[in-house]
Amino acid sequence: MSGFQAWRDASSERNSTEQRERDICAGGRSCGTDQPRLRRHPHPCQHRQRPLTPLISPDAEPRTCATLYSVESTWHSEDKVREYVSRVGRLEARRQGEAELVEYLPTHVDRALDLGCGDGRLLELVLNTHHETAEAIGLDDSPPMLELAQQRLGHDPRVSIVSHDLSEPLPELGQFDVIVSGFAIHHLEHERKRRLFAEIADALTPGGRFINLEVVQCATPLLHELFNERIGRVGGDPEDIRAGAGEQLEWMRDAGLIEVDCAWRWRGFAVLIGSAPPPTSPRANASTPSA
């Protein structure tokens, strides 16, 4: 039994009596005070919540975030999640970024991990591109996003959608051929970003790849606000803690990743890539005892 399978079995048993964790308070916080940091998200049919429906139709005109939810909303808010999914899903720049992400996927993917998986869109792209993938895990801590991810991917036995806050260290899930992330890591404090990049480097198989479709800081506040206007988010998101593309690339190199680059960029969207050293490199063989 793999480490992840053992954790999943134990987690399922532990969570069987914790149904109240799905009850969300009016302020967007969990009502439970003993909610575990990491748990397998149940299938949506086990919940009494109604399915999420878009607030904006695909043909509707873009609206600013201020018209749809309070600036104090968090990603535990169904209103904020519905607005985000319906708005960002229409952006041509996002689709271009996703196409670049697919171009940089490794030639073979047996195990994939998505950090801040949201509604499961990126993980689905990986699975549709690499049918040979045996296991895919998505981590997120937003209950509405987890619900959407289950609706999208819950039918696939290869997929596990897991509740986990990226501000906490990654759980022990083994190693992955590719780790992807989409518009998630910029919500973390900068020091946590740096630690997370190191955890990512350790969680990749030798030669494995990290691909991050991310929101990055534009060169000036004015340019960034122009970017916000282009994506229908005037004023930005108060939960964003943005860093420039260049400094994040340096953090990735400091974490031990190689072949680090900004592979694509449109205004405040960027695809940042890096790879774990191959088996023949000094870093990859550092733990191998000599004969």
Protein backbone atom coordinates (compact mmCIF):
# COMPACT_ATOMS: atom_id res chain seq x y z
CA MET A 1 0.00 0.00 0.00
CA SER A 2 1.40 3.42 -0.97
CA GLY A 3 1.86 6.22 1.56
CA PHE A 4 -0.94 8.18 -0.07
CA GLN A 5 -3.31 5.19 -0.01
CA ALA A 6 -2.60 4.66 3.69
CA TRP A 7 -3.19 8.34 4.42
CA ARG A 8 -6.40 8.33 2.37
CA ASP A 9 -7.82 5.28 4.20
CA ALA A 10 -6.99 6.77 7.59
CA SER A 11 -8.38 10.14 6.61
CA SER A 12 -11.66 8.67 5.36
CA GLU A 13 -12.18 6.83 8.65
CA ARG A 14 -11.29 9.90 10.70
CA ASN A 15 -13.66 12.14 8.78
CA SER A 16 -16.72 9.89 8.93
CA THR A 17 -17.97 11.68 12.07
CA GLU A 18 -17.07 15.19 10.98
CA GLN A 19 -20.00 16.11 8.71
CA ARG A 20 -20.31 19.49 10.38
CA GLU A 21 -17.15 20.60 8.59
CA ARG A 22 -19.28 21.06 5.49
CA ASP A 23 -21.48 23.61 7.27
CA ILE A 24 -20.14 27.00 6.29
CA CYS A 25 -20.84 30.04 8.46
CA ALA A 26 -22.23 33.22 6.99
CA GLY A 27 -18.79 34.84 7.08
CA GLY A 28 -17.30 32.15 4.89
CA ARG A 29 -15.47 30.31 7.68
CA SER A 30 -15.90 26.76 8.84
CA CYS A 31 -18.11 26.33 11.88
CA GLY A 32 -15.99 23.49 13.24
CA THR A 33 -13.09 24.34 15.54
CA ASP A 34 -11.33 20.99 15.21
CA GLN A 35 -11.30 20.78 11.42
CA PRO A 36 -8.29 18.75 10.30
CA ARG A 37 -5.80 20.45 8.02
CA LEU A 38 -6.07 17.81 5.32
CA ARG A 39 -8.93 15.54 4.36
CA ARG A 40 -10.34 13.73 1.34
CA HIS A 41 -13.22 15.74 -0.03
CA PRO A 42 -16.37 13.58 -0.24
CA HIS A 43 -18.32 13.07 -3.42
CA PRO A 44 -20.81 15.91 -3.97
CA CYS A 45 -23.80 13.58 -3.81
CA GLN A 46 -23.09 13.20 -0.08
CA HIS A 47 -23.76 16.90 0.54
CA ARG A 48 -27.04 18.69 0.97
CA GLN A 49 -25.74 21.82 -0.70
CA ARG A 50 -27.34 22.65 -4.03
CA PRO A 51 -25.03 22.43 -7.07
CA LEU A 52 -23.19 25.62 -7.94
CA THR A 53 -24.63 27.51 -10.91
CA PRO A 54 -22.92 30.36 -12.76
CA LEU A 55 -23.90 33.89 -11.86
CA ILE A 56 -22.87 35.04 -15.32
CA SER A 57 -23.89 33.38 -18.55
CA PRO A 58 -21.17 32.77 -21.17
CA ASP A 59 -22.73 35.48 -23.35
CA ALA A 60 -23.03 38.11 -20.65
CA GLU A 61 -20.96 41.27 -20.64
CA PRO A 62 -18.01 41.19 -18.19
CA ARG A 63 -18.65 42.85 -14.85
CA THR A 64 -16.22 43.97 -12.21
CA CYS A 65 -15.70 41.89 -9.11
CA ALA A 66 -17.04 44.73 -6.95
CA THR A 67 -20.50 44.31 -8.47
CA LEU A 68 -20.70 40.65 -7.48
CA TYR A 69 -19.10 40.16 -4.09
CA SER A 70 -17.69 42.11 -1.18
CA VAL A 71 -13.97 42.82 -1.12
CA GLU A 72 -13.98 40.99 2.20
CA SER A 73 -15.14 37.76 0.57
CA THR A 74 -12.84 34.79 0.75
CA TRP A 75 -12.46 31.75 -1.46
CA HIS A 76 -14.85 29.99 0.92
CA SER A 77 -17.59 32.22 -0.48
CA GLU A 78 -19.80 30.61 -3.12
CA ASP A 79 -20.52 34.05 -4.62
CA LYS A 80 -16.84 34.78 -5.13
CA VAL A 81 -16.15 31.36 -6.60
CA ARG A 82 -19.08 31.53 -9.01
CA GLU A 83 -18.04 35.00 -10.20
CA TYR A 84 -14.41 33.95 -10.65
CA VAL A 85 -15.15 30.74 -12.55
CA SER A 86 -17.62 32.39 -14.91
CA ARG A 87 -15.40 35.43 -15.57
CA VAL A 88 -11.95 33.87 -15.86
CA GLY A 89 -13.26 30.98 -17.94
CA ARG A 90 -14.10 33.48 -20.70
CA LEU A 91 -10.62 35.04 -20.87
CA GLU A 92 -8.71 34.31 -24.06
CA ALA A 93 -5.45 35.04 -22.23
CA ARG A 94 -6.19 32.26 -19.77
CA ARG A 95 -6.77 29.81 -22.61
CA GLN A 96 -3.48 30.88 -24.18
CA GLY A 97 -1.69 30.33 -20.88
CA GLU A 98 -3.24 26.91 -20.50
CA ALA A 99 -2.15 25.99 -24.04
CA GLU A 100 1.42 26.95 -23.13
CA LEU A 101 1.18 24.90 -19.93
CA VAL A 102 0.15 21.84 -21.95
CA GLU A 103 3.10 22.39 -24.31
CA TYR A 104 5.52 22.10 -21.38
CA LEU A 105 4.07 18.93 -19.86
CA PRO A 106 6.60 16.07 -19.70
CA THR A 107 6.47 13.45 -22.43
CA HIS A 108 5.19 10.87 -19.93
CA VAL A 109 3.07 11.51 -16.84
CA ASP A 110 2.34 8.67 -14.44
CA ARG A 111 1.47 10.83 -11.41
CA ALA A 112 0.28 14.45 -11.44
CA LEU A 113 -0.38 16.96 -8.66
CA ASP A 114 -2.33 20.23 -8.92
CA LEU A 115 -1.72 22.83 -6.21
CA GLY A 116 -4.80 24.97 -5.67
CA CYS A 117 -6.76 22.87 -8.14
CA GLY A 118 -9.87 25.08 -8.02
CA ASP A 119 -12.60 23.59 -10.20
CA GLY A 120 -10.24 20.93 -11.59
CA ARG A 121 -9.74 22.60 -14.95
CA LEU A 122 -5.94 22.22 -15.13
CA LEU A 123 -5.97 18.67 -13.82
CA GLU A 124 -8.48 17.79 -16.52
CA LEU A 125 -6.15 19.28 -19.14
CA VAL A 126 -3.31 17.08 -17.89
CA LEU A 127 -5.48 13.96 -17.97
CA ASN A 128 -6.84 14.74 -21.42
CA THR A 129 -3.31 15.25 -22.73
CA HIS A 130 -1.77 12.23 -21.03
CA HIS A 131 -4.21 9.34 -21.03
CA GLU A 132 -1.55 7.10 -19.51
CA THR A 133 -1.69 8.99 -16.20
CA ALA A 134 -2.33 6.50 -13.41
CA GLU A 135 -2.99 8.92 -10.54
CA ALA A 136 -3.84 12.61 -10.25
CA ILE A 137 -4.30 14.56 -7.02
CA GLY A 138 -5.79 18.03 -6.64
CA LEU A 139 -5.31 20.11 -3.49
CA ASP A 140 -7.46 23.09 -2.52
CA ASP A 141 -9.02 24.47 0.65
CA SER A 142 -12.05 26.25 -0.81
CA PRO A 143 -15.19 24.14 -0.21
CA PRO A 144 -17.04 25.60 -3.24
CA MET A 145 -14.02 24.94 -5.47
CA LEU A 146 -13.66 21.41 -4.11
CA GLU A 147 -17.32 20.85 -4.90
CA LEU A 148 -16.80 21.99 -8.49
CA ALA A 149 -13.68 19.85 -8.87
CA GLN A 150 -15.62 16.80 -7.69
CA GLN A 151 -18.39 17.55 -10.16
CA ARG A 152 -15.82 17.76 -12.94
CA LEU A 153 -13.53 14.85 -12.05
CA GLY A 154 -15.23 12.79 -9.34
CA HIS A 155 -16.22 10.13 -11.89
CA ASP A 156 -12.55 9.36 -12.69
CA PRO A 157 -11.13 6.68 -10.37
CA ARG A 158 -7.60 7.99 -10.99
CA VAL A 159 -8.42 11.34 -9.39
CA SER A 160 -8.37 12.31 -5.72
CA ILE A 161 -9.57 15.76 -4.70
CA VAL A 162 -8.13 16.69 -1.31
CA SER A 163 -8.77 19.57 1.07
CA HIS A 164 -5.47 21.22 1.99
CA ASP A 165 -4.40 24.79 2.75
CA LEU A 166 -1.27 25.67 0.75
CA SER A 167 -0.14 27.97 3.55
CA GLU A 168 0.67 24.72 5.39
CA PRO A 169 3.47 22.32 4.35
CA LEU A 170 2.54 19.89 1.61
CA PRO A 171 1.43 16.46 2.86
CA GLU A 172 3.51 13.39 2.18
CA LEU A 173 2.03 12.19 -1.10
CA GLY A 174 5.06 10.68 -2.81
CA GLN A 175 6.71 12.01 -5.93
CA PHE A 176 5.14 13.29 -9.14
CA ASP A 177 6.18 13.54 -12.76
CA VAL A 178 4.49 16.93 -13.02
CA ILE A 179 3.18 19.47 -10.52
CA VAL A 180 0.94 22.19 -11.92
CA SER A 181 -0.75 25.19 -10.39
CA GLY A 182 -3.13 27.79 -11.76
CA PHE A 183 -3.68 31.23 -10.23
CA ALA A 184 -3.22 29.94 -6.68
CA ILE A 185 0.28 30.47 -5.30
CA HIS A 186 0.01 34.28 -5.51
CA HIS A 187 -2.36 34.14 -2.53
CA LEU A 188 0.53 33.04 -0.26
CA GLU A 189 2.97 35.21 1.66
CA HIS A 190 6.29 35.54 -0.14
CA GLU A 191 8.22 33.50 2.42
CA ARG A 192 5.66 30.70 2.12
CA LYS A 193 6.05 30.84 -1.67
CA ARG A 194 9.77 30.23 -1.28
CA ARG A 195 9.26 27.29 1.09
CA LEU A 196 6.58 25.85 -1.19
CA PHE A 197 8.95 25.95 -4.17
CA ALA A 198 11.45 23.90 -2.12
CA GLU A 199 8.71 21.40 -1.20
CA ILE A 200 7.75 21.17 -4.88
CA ALA A 201 11.35 20.47 -5.87
CA ASP A 202 11.46 17.62 -3.33
CA ALA A 203 8.11 16.22 -4.51
CA LEU A 204 9.16 15.92 -8.17
CA THR A 205 10.64 12.78 -9.64
CA PRO A 206 14.14 13.29 -11.11
CA GLY A 207 13.55 15.26 -14.28
CA GLY A 208 9.95 16.02 -13.28
CA ARG A 209 8.51 19.43 -14.10
CA PHE A 210 6.76 22.22 -12.22
CA ILE A 211 4.48 24.45 -14.35
CA ASN A 212 2.79 27.43 -12.75
CA LEU A 213 0.18 29.50 -14.62
CA GLU A 214 0.21 32.48 -12.31
CA VAL A 215 -0.78 36.06 -11.64
CA VAL A 216 2.41 38.14 -11.38
CA GLN A 217 3.07 41.75 -10.52
CA CYS A 218 3.30 44.13 -13.46
CA ALA A 219 6.16 46.61 -13.62
CA THR A 220 4.14 49.54 -12.18
CA PRO A 221 0.88 49.91 -10.23
CA LEU A 222 -0.69 51.70 -13.20
CA LEU A 223 0.19 48.86 -15.58
CA HIS A 224 -1.19 46.34 -13.13
CA GLU A 225 -4.46 48.22 -12.81
CA LEU A 226 -4.74 48.30 -16.59
CA PHE A 227 -4.29 44.51 -16.47
CA ASN A 228 -7.02 44.27 -13.82
CA GLU A 229 -9.37 46.20 -16.07
CA ARG A 230 -8.60 43.90 -19.02
CA ILE A 231 -9.56 40.82 -17.01
CA GLY A 232 -12.74 42.40 -15.57
CA ARG A 233 -11.39 42.76 -12.03
CA VAL A 234 -11.14 46.51 -11.45
CA GLY A 235 -9.27 47.20 -8.22
CA GLY A 236 -7.87 43.69 -8.05
CA ASP A 237 -8.39 41.03 -5.40
CA PRO A 238 -7.56 42.01 -1.80
CA GLU A 239 -6.37 38.45 -1.16
CA ASP A 240 -3.63 38.69 -3.81
CA ILE A 241 -0.02 38.84 -2.59
CA ARG A 242 1.70 39.26 -5.92
CA ALA A 243 5.39 38.93 -6.73
CA GLY A 244 7.18 39.74 -9.94
CA ALA A 245 8.00 36.99 -12.41
CA GLY A 246 11.74 37.60 -12.09
CA GLU A 247 11.92 37.25 -8.32
CA GLN A 248 9.81 34.09 -8.41
CA LEU A 249 12.18 32.56 -10.95
CA GLU A 250 15.05 33.31 -8.56
CA TRP A 251 13.14 31.66 -5.70
CA MET A 252 12.58 28.61 -7.87
CA ARG A 253 16.31 28.40 -8.65
CA ASP A 254 17.13 28.81 -4.96
CA ALA A 255 14.79 25.86 -4.28
CA GLY A 256 16.93 23.63 -6.48
CA LEU A 257 14.91 23.66 -9.68
CA ILE A 258 16.75 23.87 -13.01
CA GLU A 259 15.73 24.94 -16.53
CA VAL A 260 13.79 27.73 -14.86
CA ASP A 261 12.13 30.25 -17.14
CA CYS A 262 9.12 32.48 -17.77
CA ALA A 263 7.82 30.50 -20.73
CA TRP A 264 4.92 32.81 -21.59
CA ARG A 265 3.49 36.10 -20.41
CA TRP A 266 0.55 38.37 -21.11
CA ARG A 267 0.46 41.45 -18.88
CA GLY A 268 -0.09 40.05 -15.36
CA PHE A 269 -0.45 36.40 -16.44
CA ALA A 270 2.67 34.23 -16.76
CA VAL A 271 3.69 30.61 -17.12
CA LEU A 272 6.69 29.89 -14.87
CA ILE A 273 8.46 26.58 -15.37
CA GLY A 274 11.23 24.61 -13.70
CA SER A 275 12.42 21.02 -13.53
CA ALA A 276 13.93 18.75 -10.93
CA PRO A 277 17.48 17.75 -11.81
CA PRO A 278 17.75 14.50 -13.78
CA PRO A 279 19.13 11.36 -12.10
CA THR A 280 22.65 12.03 -13.42
CA SER A 281 22.95 15.46 -11.79
CA PRO A 282 24.86 15.96 -8.51
CA ARG A 283 21.74 17.14 -6.66
CA ALA A 284 19.69 14.14 -7.72
CA ASN A 285 22.42 11.72 -6.59
CA ALA A 286 23.30 13.57 -3.41
CA SER A 287 21.47 11.06 -1.21
CA THR A 288 22.79 7.98 -3.03
CA PRO A 289 25.57 6.29 -1.04
CA SER A 290 28.76 5.53 -2.89
CA ALA A 291 29.75 1.92 -3.52
